[in-house]
Amino acid sequence: MEEETKQIIQDSLDALYENKKFLPDLTDGVREQAFTSLSAIISTPNNIHKSFLRVPREDGTIERIPAYRVQHNDSLGPYKGGIRFYEGVNEEEVVNLAFLMTLKNALHQVPFGGGKGGIVINPRNYSEKELNVVSRKYVRYFADVIGPDKDIPAPDMGSGEREMDWMMAEYKKIHHGKPYLGSFTGKSVDNGGSLGRREATGKGVYFTFRYLIHDYVLAHKQTLQETGNPFAQTALAHAERPLKMAVQGFGNVGSVAALEASQCHSLNNRVIAVSDRNVTLYNEEGLDIPTLIAFTATNRGDLPTDQEQLGQAGVTAEIRGRDELLTLPVDVLILAALEDQIHKDNMQDIQAKIIVEGANAPTTRDADAYLSDKGVIIIPDILANAGGVIVSYLEWLQGRETQYHEESEVFRLLLEKMKDTMDTILPQYFGDPYPLRENCFIHAVRRLSTVLHKQGMLY
């Protein structure tokens, strides 16, 4: 996973090296030295902080829980990235996610660097009191390396506004009398959080799909028809007809993206399948997404797993295996679960022609290359799931100014920022042979490299 990201970064640097219009003042041996420096800087994190949180359990035992905070690069601004509460967290994963945060912020011109955190627990196995202790201990152990102008954590898998509220309170206690509102984002509105933060990533995921396949394609239809670009042909083929969609993952990101899809007036979407950690629900005529969301809100976030629960929810659906969703005959597949979901063992069975990455790194490099060669449009995580960090930036600004936007204004600013990025990227994507992921990485690495060069960091 980390090696794949490093290779994509190196490929981007190689493409930029050959483009003599990029950093034209760097020539001959000086250019080679500078790009060697860029490779070393961007492919390694600045800091890896690791500790074992000493946590008392309610049964009287003591646990030592591994925890991480990785800070990749802060050339563009303070480190920024979520804290993942997940039993599968490991150092390599957190490092890779920190890399991606740096590049995501560079791509969308958000003035943050990249960071990421992780705590190796399954939060379902801990009481609310124990999770409170875990959250506060994390802040105590990493108190010296986080802060409003240093490193600003946010929620991630397994964590949410509750944990951010606890963490900010602990930060305030430790740093008494110092500014604290910007120390964490993704907080509850009552504690200085931004309206719309919970829905931001899911809304952004659906917006990137809708803007590409509807707004942009229809506005540039004639130009796209004249090109031989295979991705343009895929987009045109799906632009003005009903689309069947499947959504993997039904947490904050997947459920919001599914709801946006089911309620979109400009596209005739039909969400025919959704899945979570337990099950896939399928209905060829379309699932009742609002009712499923209401059910998960009272069922610890889980979808119905049997006919009795479907009856309780008032939803008509077939129950299928969790992993069946990926290979269903759909037009659009939204991946909003975990990394490495589409890989060399199942890539040949994927039928969707458009894949949207709501999760981080859900498609391996091999699968990306295979599907892209077949003209499949893959809207990568670095582009599609940036809604959370964009609204986190708005929350950070609002906390500094102690003035807060209405929800409609937050969503307007979010979608305007994502539209600006796509208007920069899509002409290149439909005009050259690079898949969208490579286009996004080249653009992000270009911006980061330019800043590093201007800051004199390459010598």
Protein backbone atom coordinates (compact mmCIF):
# COMPACT_ATOMS: atom_id res chain seq x y z
CA MET A 1 0.00 0.00 0.00
CA GLU A 2 2.69 2.52 1.03
CA GLU A 3 4.97 1.27 -1.74
CA GLU A 4 2.21 1.76 -4.30
CA THR A 5 1.75 5.37 -3.22
CA LYS A 6 5.50 5.97 -3.36
CA GLN A 7 5.60 4.56 -6.88
CA ILE A 8 2.76 6.82 -8.03
CA ILE A 9 4.62 9.80 -6.54
CA GLN A 10 7.81 8.77 -8.34
CA ASP A 11 5.92 8.33 -11.62
CA SER A 12 4.50 11.84 -11.18
CA LEU A 13 7.97 13.26 -10.56
CA ASP A 14 9.31 11.46 -13.63
CA ALA A 15 6.56 13.01 -15.78
CA LEU A 16 7.29 16.47 -14.36
CA TYR A 17 11.05 16.01 -14.86
CA GLU A 18 10.48 15.44 -18.57
CA ASN A 19 8.25 18.54 -18.79
CA LYS A 20 10.82 21.27 -19.34
CA LYS A 21 8.17 23.96 -18.81
CA PHE A 22 7.95 22.89 -15.16
CA LEU A 23 10.55 24.66 -13.02
CA PRO A 24 12.39 25.82 -16.18
CA ASP A 25 15.13 27.50 -14.15
CA LEU A 26 16.33 24.04 -13.09
CA THR A 27 18.49 22.63 -15.88
CA ASP A 28 20.98 19.82 -16.47
CA GLY A 29 22.68 18.46 -13.35
CA VAL A 30 20.93 20.96 -11.05
CA ARG A 31 17.56 19.72 -12.27
CA GLU A 32 18.51 16.11 -11.63
CA GLN A 33 19.71 16.94 -8.12
CA ALA A 34 16.54 18.89 -7.34
CA PHE A 35 14.27 16.05 -8.47
CA THR A 36 16.31 13.54 -6.48
CA SER A 37 15.68 15.76 -3.46
CA LEU A 38 11.97 15.98 -4.25
CA SER A 39 11.72 12.20 -4.41
CA ALA A 40 13.38 11.82 -1.01
CA ILE A 41 11.28 14.53 0.65
CA ILE A 42 7.86 13.58 -0.70
CA SER A 43 8.28 9.81 -0.32
CA THR A 44 9.14 9.96 3.39
CA PRO A 45 7.26 11.42 6.38
CA ASN A 46 8.77 14.16 8.50
CA ASN A 47 7.83 12.44 11.78
CA ILE A 48 6.40 9.13 12.99
CA HIS A 49 5.15 9.31 16.56
CA LYS A 50 4.18 6.06 18.25
CA SER A 51 3.13 5.29 21.80
CA PHE A 52 1.24 2.75 23.88
CA LEU A 53 -1.73 4.27 25.68
CA ARG A 54 -2.14 2.97 29.22
CA VAL A 55 -5.90 2.50 29.56
CA PRO A 56 -7.77 1.13 32.62
CA ARG A 57 -10.75 -1.03 31.69
CA GLU A 58 -13.96 -1.15 33.71
CA ASP A 59 -13.26 -4.77 34.67
CA GLY A 60 -10.16 -3.61 36.56
CA THR A 61 -7.56 -4.66 33.99
CA ILE A 62 -5.01 -2.40 32.32
CA GLU A 63 -4.42 -2.37 28.56
CA ARG A 64 -1.54 -0.90 26.58
CA ILE A 65 -3.02 0.19 23.26
CA PRO A 66 -0.74 1.06 20.28
CA ALA A 67 -1.35 4.56 18.92
CA TYR A 68 0.20 6.58 16.10
CA ARG A 69 0.49 10.12 14.83
CA VAL A 70 2.30 10.46 11.50
CA GLN A 71 3.24 13.86 10.11
CA HIS A 72 4.15 13.65 6.46
CA ASN A 73 4.83 17.16 5.19
CA ASP A 74 3.93 20.68 6.36
CA SER A 75 5.27 22.80 3.50
CA LEU A 76 1.76 23.95 2.59
CA GLY A 77 0.56 24.50 6.16
CA PRO A 78 -0.07 22.70 9.48
CA TYR A 79 -0.34 18.91 9.37
CA LYS A 80 -3.96 17.78 8.97
CA GLY A 81 -5.57 14.35 9.11
CA GLY A 82 -8.02 12.13 10.95
CA ILE A 83 -7.57 9.71 13.84
CA ARG A 84 -8.68 6.19 12.97
CA PHE A 85 -10.12 3.97 15.73
CA TYR A 86 -9.69 0.56 14.11
CA GLU A 87 -8.25 -2.77 15.19
CA GLY A 88 -6.49 -3.22 11.85
CA VAL A 89 -4.49 0.02 12.11
CA ASN A 90 -0.74 -0.34 11.61
CA GLU A 91 2.17 2.01 11.06
CA GLU A 92 2.43 1.43 7.32
CA GLU A 93 -1.25 2.21 6.81
CA VAL A 94 -1.08 5.44 8.83
CA VAL A 95 2.06 6.56 6.96
CA ASN A 96 0.36 5.91 3.63
CA LEU A 97 -2.76 7.82 4.64
CA ALA A 98 -0.61 10.75 5.76
CA PHE A 99 1.05 10.79 2.31
CA LEU A 100 -2.37 10.91 0.69
CA MET A 101 -3.52 13.77 2.94
CA THR A 102 -0.58 15.93 1.86
CA LEU A 103 -1.35 15.33 -1.79
CA LYS A 104 -5.10 15.74 -1.33
CA ASN A 105 -4.60 19.15 0.25
CA ALA A 106 -2.16 20.13 -2.48
CA LEU A 107 -4.60 19.05 -5.18
CA HIS A 108 -7.49 21.08 -3.77
CA GLN A 109 -5.29 24.02 -2.70
CA VAL A 110 -6.22 23.67 0.95
CA PRO A 111 -3.46 25.31 3.05
CA PHE A 112 -2.67 22.26 5.15
CA GLY A 113 -0.02 19.58 5.09
CA GLY A 114 -0.68 15.89 5.59
CA GLY A 115 -0.93 13.93 8.80
CA LYS A 116 -2.81 10.92 10.11
CA GLY A 117 -3.48 9.16 13.40
CA GLY A 118 -4.52 5.71 14.47
CA ILE A 119 -5.48 3.82 17.62
CA VAL A 120 -5.49 0.03 17.44
CA ILE A 121 -8.90 -0.78 18.92
CA ASN A 122 -12.32 -1.95 17.87
CA PRO A 123 -14.50 0.77 19.44
CA ARG A 124 -17.46 -1.62 19.57
CA ASN A 125 -15.61 -3.56 22.28
CA TYR A 126 -15.26 -0.54 24.60
CA SER A 127 -17.77 1.27 26.79
CA GLU A 128 -18.38 5.00 26.37
CA LYS A 129 -16.39 5.66 29.54
CA GLU A 130 -13.46 3.59 28.23
CA LEU A 131 -13.52 5.38 24.87
CA ASN A 132 -13.44 8.68 26.71
CA VAL A 133 -10.28 7.56 28.52
CA VAL A 134 -8.71 6.33 25.26
CA SER A 135 -9.44 9.67 23.56
CA ARG A 136 -8.04 11.75 26.41
CA LYS A 137 -4.96 9.54 26.76
CA TYR A 138 -4.23 9.98 23.05
CA VAL A 139 -4.15 13.76 23.50
CA ARG A 140 -1.93 13.51 26.60
CA TYR A 141 0.59 11.26 24.86
CA PHE A 142 0.79 13.45 21.73
CA ALA A 143 0.13 16.85 23.35
CA ASP A 144 3.49 18.28 22.31
CA VAL A 145 3.08 17.57 18.59
CA ILE A 146 -0.54 18.61 17.94
CA GLY A 147 -2.15 22.04 18.08
CA PRO A 148 -4.05 24.66 16.02
CA ASP A 149 -0.93 25.80 14.16
CA LYS A 150 1.04 22.53 14.23
CA ASP A 151 -1.11 19.45 13.61
CA ILE A 152 -4.91 19.43 13.58
CA PRO A 153 -6.59 16.01 13.94
CA ALA A 154 -10.14 15.18 12.84
CA PRO A 155 -12.48 12.16 12.87
CA ASP A 156 -11.84 9.11 10.75
CA MET A 157 -13.05 5.52 10.70
CA GLY A 158 -14.44 4.58 14.11
CA SER A 159 -14.32 8.10 15.52
CA GLY A 160 -16.66 11.08 15.29
CA GLU A 161 -17.67 14.38 16.82
CA ARG A 162 -18.00 12.84 20.29
CA GLU A 163 -14.35 11.78 20.34
CA MET A 164 -13.23 15.14 18.91
CA ASP A 165 -15.16 16.98 21.65
CA TRP A 166 -13.42 14.87 24.31
CA MET A 167 -10.03 15.41 22.71
CA MET A 168 -10.45 19.16 22.38
CA ALA A 169 -11.48 19.35 26.05
CA GLU A 170 -8.32 17.49 27.05
CA TYR A 171 -6.17 19.72 24.83
CA LYS A 172 -7.75 22.80 26.44
CA LYS A 173 -7.00 21.38 29.89
CA ILE A 174 -3.35 20.70 29.07
CA HIS A 175 -2.77 24.01 27.28
CA HIS A 176 -4.71 26.20 29.67
CA GLY A 177 -5.09 29.78 28.47
CA LYS A 178 -3.94 29.01 24.91
CA PRO A 179 -6.14 29.01 21.77
CA TYR A 180 -7.88 25.65 21.50
CA LEU A 181 -10.90 25.82 19.15
CA GLY A 182 -8.71 24.98 16.14
CA SER A 183 -6.91 22.09 17.83
CA PHE A 184 -9.40 19.55 16.45
CA THR A 185 -11.98 19.69 13.67
CA GLY A 186 -15.05 17.57 13.16
CA LYS A 187 -16.34 18.64 16.58
CA SER A 188 -20.01 19.00 17.48
CA VAL A 189 -21.59 22.32 16.56
CA ASP A 190 -22.07 23.08 20.27
CA ASN A 191 -18.29 22.81 20.73
CA GLY A 192 -17.31 25.02 17.81
CA GLY A 193 -17.76 22.53 14.99
CA SER A 194 -19.04 23.44 11.54
CA LEU A 195 -22.51 22.74 10.30
CA GLY A 196 -22.39 20.12 7.54
CA ARG A 197 -19.06 18.55 8.60
CA ARG A 198 -20.53 15.05 9.07
CA GLU A 199 -22.12 15.03 5.61
CA ALA A 200 -19.25 16.79 3.85
CA THR A 201 -17.26 13.80 2.59
CA GLY A 202 -20.31 11.90 1.31
CA LYS A 203 -21.68 14.98 -0.42
CA GLY A 204 -18.31 15.63 -2.02
CA VAL A 205 -18.06 12.01 -3.20
CA TYR A 206 -21.39 12.17 -4.98
CA PHE A 207 -20.73 15.66 -6.32
CA THR A 208 -17.52 14.62 -8.09
CA PHE A 209 -19.44 11.87 -9.89
CA ARG A 210 -22.39 14.09 -10.76
CA TYR A 211 -20.24 16.98 -11.94
CA LEU A 212 -18.10 14.76 -14.17
CA ILE A 213 -20.86 12.68 -15.71
CA HIS A 214 -23.50 15.40 -15.98
CA ASP A 215 -22.40 19.03 -15.65
CA TYR A 216 -18.97 18.82 -17.26
CA VAL A 217 -19.79 16.27 -19.95
CA LEU A 218 -22.92 18.09 -21.13
CA ALA A 219 -21.08 21.44 -21.16
CA HIS A 220 -18.26 19.98 -23.30
CA LYS A 221 -20.22 17.38 -25.27
CA GLN A 222 -19.07 18.36 -28.75
CA THR A 223 -15.39 18.53 -27.78
CA LEU A 224 -15.58 15.13 -26.07
CA GLN A 225 -17.31 13.56 -29.08
CA GLU A 226 -14.41 14.63 -31.30
CA THR A 227 -11.71 13.08 -29.15
CA GLY A 228 -10.58 9.48 -29.25
CA ASN A 229 -10.04 9.48 -25.50
CA PRO A 230 -11.58 6.23 -24.13
CA PHE A 231 -12.60 7.89 -20.85
CA ALA A 232 -14.49 10.57 -22.77
CA GLN A 233 -16.40 7.84 -24.61
CA THR A 234 -17.29 6.16 -21.31
CA ALA A 235 -18.50 9.46 -19.88
CA LEU A 236 -20.61 10.26 -22.95
CA ALA A 237 -22.15 6.78 -22.91
CA HIS A 238 -23.39 7.30 -19.34
CA ALA A 239 -24.23 11.00 -19.40
CA GLU A 240 -27.88 10.99 -20.41
CA ARG A 241 -29.40 7.69 -19.38
CA PRO A 242 -30.67 6.07 -16.17
CA LEU A 243 -27.85 4.65 -14.08
CA LYS A 244 -27.79 1.73 -11.65
CA MET A 245 -25.56 2.34 -8.63
CA ALA A 246 -24.10 0.25 -5.80
CA VAL A 247 -22.54 1.67 -2.63
CA GLN A 248 -20.03 -0.31 -0.58
CA GLY A 249 -19.98 0.91 3.01
CA PHE A 250 -22.95 2.52 4.75
CA GLY A 251 -21.28 4.71 7.35
CA ASN A 252 -21.07 8.50 7.26
CA VAL A 253 -19.61 8.57 3.75
CA GLY A 254 -21.51 5.78 2.02
CA SER A 255 -24.94 6.52 3.48
CA VAL A 256 -24.72 10.22 2.62
CA ALA A 257 -23.48 9.48 -0.92
CA ALA A 258 -26.32 6.97 -1.38
CA LEU A 259 -28.85 9.50 -0.11
CA GLU A 260 -27.50 12.18 -2.45
CA ALA A 261 -27.75 9.74 -5.35
CA SER A 262 -31.30 8.67 -4.54
CA GLN A 263 -32.48 12.27 -4.25
CA CYS A 264 -30.58 13.76 -7.20
CA HIS A 265 -32.94 15.56 -9.58
CA SER A 266 -30.51 16.08 -12.45
CA LEU A 267 -29.68 12.36 -12.85
CA ASN A 268 -32.04 9.42 -12.91
CA ASN A 269 -30.04 7.30 -10.44
CA ARG A 270 -31.27 4.08 -8.91
CA VAL A 271 -29.29 2.77 -5.93
CA ILE A 272 -29.91 -0.96 -6.25
CA ALA A 273 -27.39 -2.27 -3.73
CA VAL A 274 -25.66 -1.19 -0.51
CA SER A 275 -23.38 -3.12 1.82
CA ASP A 276 -21.70 -2.90 5.21
CA ARG A 277 -19.41 -5.16 7.24
CA ASN A 278 -22.15 -7.82 7.46
CA VAL A 279 -24.32 -7.94 4.37
CA THR A 280 -25.29 -6.71 0.90
CA LEU A 281 -28.88 -5.57 0.34
CA TYR A 282 -30.11 -5.71 -3.26
CA ASN A 283 -33.26 -4.52 -5.01
CA GLU A 284 -33.27 -4.15 -8.78
CA GLU A 285 -36.01 -1.51 -8.55
CA GLY A 286 -34.02 0.62 -6.11
CA LEU A 287 -33.59 0.62 -2.34
CA ASP A 288 -35.33 2.96 0.08
CA ILE A 289 -32.20 4.77 1.28
CA PRO A 290 -33.82 7.20 3.79
CA THR A 291 -35.53 4.28 5.53
CA LEU A 292 -32.29 2.30 5.68
CA ILE A 293 -30.49 5.30 7.17
CA ALA A 294 -33.20 5.58 9.82
CA PHE A 295 -32.82 1.87 10.64
CA THR A 296 -29.03 2.04 11.00
CA ALA A 297 -29.39 5.00 13.37
CA THR A 298 -31.16 2.69 15.86
CA ASN A 299 -29.13 -0.46 15.13
CA ARG A 300 -25.55 0.58 16.02
CA GLY A 301 -24.95 1.62 12.42
CA ASP A 302 -25.65 -1.84 10.95
CA LEU A 303 -27.92 -2.64 8.00
CA PRO A 304 -30.67 -5.28 8.38
CA THR A 305 -29.17 -8.77 8.22
CA ASP A 306 -32.28 -10.98 7.98
CA GLN A 307 -35.89 -10.91 6.81
CA GLU A 308 -37.17 -10.08 10.27
CA GLN A 309 -35.04 -6.95 10.45
CA LEU A 310 -35.98 -5.99 6.89
CA GLY A 311 -39.62 -6.24 7.98
CA GLN A 312 -38.94 -4.08 11.02
CA ALA A 313 -37.26 -1.51 8.81
CA GLY A 314 -40.02 -1.63 6.20
CA VAL A 315 -37.53 -2.26 3.38
CA THR A 316 -37.85 -4.65 0.46
CA ALA A 317 -34.52 -6.22 -0.50
CA GLU A 318 -32.66 -9.46 -1.16
CA ILE A 319 -29.99 -10.38 1.37
CA ARG A 320 -26.69 -11.31 -0.26
CA GLY A 321 -23.10 -11.88 0.82
CA ARG A 322 -21.15 -8.81 1.86
CA ASP A 323 -18.62 -8.97 -0.97
CA GLU A 324 -21.14 -9.70 -3.73
CA LEU A 325 -21.82 -6.00 -4.14
CA LEU A 326 -18.50 -5.36 -5.89
CA THR A 327 -19.24 -7.58 -8.88
CA LEU A 328 -22.91 -6.75 -9.45
CA PRO A 329 -24.03 -5.62 -12.95
CA VAL A 330 -24.19 -1.89 -12.19
CA ASP A 331 -23.08 1.25 -14.00
CA VAL A 332 -21.58 3.02 -11.00
CA LEU A 333 -19.77 1.65 -7.96
CA ILE A 334 -19.09 3.90 -4.97
CA LEU A 335 -16.41 2.48 -2.66
CA ALA A 336 -16.87 3.90 0.85
CA ALA A 337 -15.52 1.12 3.09
CA LEU A 338 -11.86 0.06 3.46
CA GLU A 339 -8.68 0.06 1.41
CA ASP A 340 -7.70 -2.67 -1.11
CA GLN A 341 -11.27 -3.70 -2.00
CA ILE A 342 -10.67 -4.06 -5.74
CA HIS A 343 -7.49 -6.01 -6.42
CA LYS A 344 -5.91 -8.51 -8.79
CA ASP A 345 -8.11 -11.37 -7.56
CA ASN A 346 -11.45 -9.69 -8.34
CA MET A 347 -10.67 -6.93 -10.84
CA GLN A 348 -11.72 -9.05 -13.82
CA ASP A 349 -15.17 -9.50 -12.30
CA ILE A 350 -15.91 -5.79 -11.89
CA GLN A 351 -18.79 -4.77 -14.19
CA ALA A 352 -19.17 -1.09 -13.27
CA LYS A 353 -17.87 1.41 -15.82
CA ILE A 354 -17.57 4.24 -13.30
CA ILE A 355 -15.93 3.80 -9.88
CA VAL A 356 -15.92 6.54 -7.24
CA GLU A 357 -13.51 6.19 -4.32
CA GLY A 358 -15.12 7.47 -1.14
CA ALA A 359 -12.71 5.42 1.00
CA ASN A 360 -8.94 5.83 1.07
CA ALA A 361 -7.02 3.60 -1.36
CA PRO A 362 -9.83 1.09 -2.09
CA THR A 363 -8.37 0.16 -5.50
CA THR A 364 -4.90 -1.35 -5.82
CA ARG A 365 -2.43 -0.14 -8.43
CA ASP A 366 -2.77 -3.36 -10.47
CA ALA A 367 -6.56 -3.10 -10.50
CA ASP A 368 -6.47 0.58 -11.36
CA ALA A 369 -4.25 -0.07 -14.38
CA TYR A 370 -6.33 -3.06 -15.54
CA LEU A 371 -9.67 -1.25 -15.31
CA SER A 372 -8.34 2.01 -16.77
CA ASP A 373 -7.06 0.09 -19.80
CA LYS A 374 -10.66 -1.00 -20.35
CA GLY A 375 -11.91 2.58 -20.31
CA VAL A 376 -13.35 2.43 -16.79
CA ILE A 377 -13.51 5.88 -15.19
CA ILE A 378 -12.05 5.75 -11.67
CA ILE A 379 -12.57 8.95 -9.69
CA PRO A 380 -9.76 8.54 -7.14
CA ASP A 381 -9.86 9.14 -3.41
CA ILE A 382 -7.50 12.10 -3.63
CA LEU A 383 -10.16 13.90 -5.70
CA ALA A 384 -13.47 12.41 -4.55
CA ASN A 385 -13.26 12.21 -0.76
CA ALA A 386 -11.73 15.60 0.01
CA GLY A 387 -15.03 17.05 1.28
CA GLY A 388 -14.13 16.30 4.89
CA VAL A 389 -10.80 18.14 4.88
CA ILE A 390 -12.24 21.07 2.93
CA VAL A 391 -14.99 21.59 5.52
CA SER A 392 -12.44 20.95 8.28
CA TYR A 393 -10.51 23.90 6.88
CA LEU A 394 -13.70 25.99 6.98
CA GLU A 395 -14.26 24.88 10.59
CA TRP A 396 -10.67 25.80 11.48
CA LEU A 397 -11.15 29.27 9.96
CA GLN A 398 -14.50 29.74 11.67
CA GLY A 399 -12.93 28.82 15.03
CA ARG A 400 -10.17 31.39 14.57
CA GLU A 401 -12.69 34.09 13.68
CA THR A 402 -15.44 32.83 16.07
CA GLN A 403 -17.92 33.47 13.27
CA TYR A 404 -19.88 30.55 11.82
CA HIS A 405 -21.49 29.86 8.45
CA GLU A 406 -24.99 28.57 7.85
CA GLU A 407 -25.07 24.98 6.55
CA SER A 408 -26.10 26.09 3.06
CA GLU A 409 -23.07 28.38 2.89
CA VAL A 410 -20.74 25.59 4.04
CA PHE A 411 -22.01 23.29 1.28
CA ARG A 412 -21.79 26.09 -1.29
CA LEU A 413 -18.15 26.75 -0.41
CA LEU A 414 -17.39 23.01 -0.37
CA LEU A 415 -18.84 22.30 -3.81
CA GLU A 416 -17.33 25.47 -5.27
CA LYS A 417 -13.87 24.34 -4.14
CA MET A 418 -14.34 20.83 -5.58
CA LYS A 419 -15.70 22.27 -8.83
CA ASP A 420 -12.63 24.49 -9.20
CA THR A 421 -10.37 21.45 -8.79
CA MET A 422 -12.30 19.40 -11.32
CA ASP A 423 -12.34 22.24 -13.83
CA THR A 424 -8.54 22.20 -13.59
CA ILE A 425 -8.13 18.42 -13.83
CA LEU A 426 -10.82 17.24 -16.26
CA PRO A 427 -9.58 19.00 -19.43
CA GLN A 428 -6.23 17.24 -18.98
CA TYR A 429 -7.91 13.92 -18.17
CA PHE A 430 -10.03 13.96 -21.31
CA GLY A 431 -7.20 15.34 -23.41
CA ASP A 432 -4.23 13.08 -22.62
CA PRO A 433 -3.64 9.35 -22.06
CA TYR A 434 -3.24 9.47 -18.27
CA PRO A 435 -5.94 7.96 -16.03
CA LEU A 436 -7.58 10.38 -13.64
CA ARG A 437 -5.57 9.21 -10.63
CA GLU A 438 -2.30 9.93 -12.40
CA ASN A 439 -3.57 13.34 -13.51
CA CYS A 440 -4.50 14.20 -9.92
CA PHE A 441 -1.19 13.00 -8.51
CA ILE A 442 0.83 14.90 -11.12
CA HIS A 443 -1.11 18.08 -10.35
CA ALA A 444 -0.68 17.64 -6.58
CA VAL A 445 3.03 16.78 -6.82
CA ARG A 446 3.54 19.75 -9.13
CA ARG A 447 2.09 22.16 -6.58
CA LEU A 448 3.98 20.62 -3.65
CA SER A 449 7.23 20.57 -5.62
CA THR A 450 6.83 24.21 -6.63
CA VAL A 451 6.39 25.27 -3.01
CA LEU A 452 9.34 23.16 -1.82
CA HIS A 453 11.52 24.69 -4.53
CA LYS A 454 10.48 28.26 -3.68
CA GLN A 455 11.11 27.60 0.02
CA GLY A 456 14.65 26.48 -0.80
CA MET A 457 14.11 22.99 0.55
CA LEU A 458 15.79 21.13 -2.32
CA TYR A 459 19.43 21.99 -1.55
